[in-house]
Amino acid sequence: MTAAAPLYVVTMVDTRTDQPHRVGGRVQTRFTHDPEEACRHFLQNRDPRLWRIVVKSLPPQG
C-alpha cells in the first residue's frame, strides 16, 4: 500500500502587521502537497521582505 503524499496548509502573513493576507475579508490559504510551489505562487510579484510564509503540516487521514 502506497502512503499518500503529506498535505500542507500554506498562508501568507504581512510582516508589518503580523496578520494573514486577506482578500474580501477571507484569509488567503492554500492546501497543497507541494508547499514550495504554493510559496512561489504567494510571493509572485511581491516583495518577500514584506511577507512571511507559514507552512503547517496536516495530520494524515485514515
Protein backbone atom coordinates (compact mmCIF):
# COMPACT_ATOMS: atom_id res chain seq x y z
CA MET A 1 0.00 0.00 0.00
CA THR A 2 1.41 3.39 -1.01
CA ALA A 3 1.28 6.18 1.54
CA ALA A 4 -0.46 9.36 0.43
CA ALA A 5 1.68 12.45 -0.04
CA PRO A 6 1.60 14.72 3.02
CA LEU A 7 -0.83 17.62 2.91
CA TYR A 8 0.11 21.14 3.99
CA VAL A 9 -1.74 24.38 4.60
CA VAL A 10 0.14 27.49 3.41
CA THR A 11 -0.70 31.05 4.43
CA MET A 12 0.96 34.39 3.69
CA VAL A 13 1.44 36.80 6.61
CA ASP A 14 2.13 40.55 6.38
CA THR A 15 5.34 41.19 8.35
CA ARG A 16 4.28 44.77 9.08
CA THR A 17 1.07 43.78 10.88
CA ASP A 18 1.74 40.09 11.62
CA GLN A 19 -1.74 39.39 10.19
CA PRO A 20 -2.59 36.89 7.46
CA HIS A 21 -3.22 38.27 3.98
CA ARG A 22 -6.94 38.73 3.35
CA VAL A 23 -8.92 39.38 0.20
CA GLY A 24 -12.53 40.37 0.69
CA GLY A 25 -12.18 39.58 4.39
CA ARG A 26 -11.09 35.98 3.74
CA VAL A 27 -7.66 34.69 4.70
CA GLN A 28 -5.75 33.54 1.63
CA THR A 29 -4.85 29.92 2.34
CA ARG A 30 -3.76 27.11 0.06
CA PHE A 31 -3.99 23.40 0.78
CA THR A 32 -1.28 21.56 -1.14
CA HIS A 33 1.03 18.59 -1.39
CA ASP A 34 3.76 20.96 -2.67
CA PRO A 35 4.32 23.83 -0.19
CA GLU A 36 7.28 25.21 -2.16
CA GLU A 37 5.07 25.77 -5.21
CA ALA A 38 2.46 27.47 -3.01
CA CYS A 39 5.16 29.76 -1.57
CA ARG A 40 6.28 30.74 -5.08
CA HIS A 41 2.66 31.42 -6.02
CA PHE A 42 2.01 33.62 -2.98
CA LEU A 43 5.25 35.60 -3.37
CA GLN A 44 4.96 36.12 -7.13
CA ASN A 45 5.28 39.87 -7.86
CA ARG A 46 5.52 40.66 -4.12
CA ASP A 47 8.38 41.99 -2.00
CA PRO A 48 9.49 39.00 0.12
CA ARG A 49 10.70 41.39 2.83
CA LEU A 50 7.06 42.35 3.47
CA TRP A 51 5.61 38.83 3.53
CA ARG A 52 6.26 35.71 5.60
CA ILE A 53 5.01 32.32 4.51
CA VAL A 54 3.62 29.96 7.15
CA VAL A 55 3.53 26.26 6.28
CA LYS A 56 1.78 23.76 8.55
CA SER A 57 1.65 20.03 8.01
CA LEU A 58 -1.77 18.46 8.36
CA PRO A 59 -2.03 15.10 10.12
CA PRO A 60 -2.54 12.11 7.83
CA GLN A 61 -6.12 10.97 7.41
CA GLY A 62 -7.01 7.35 7.51
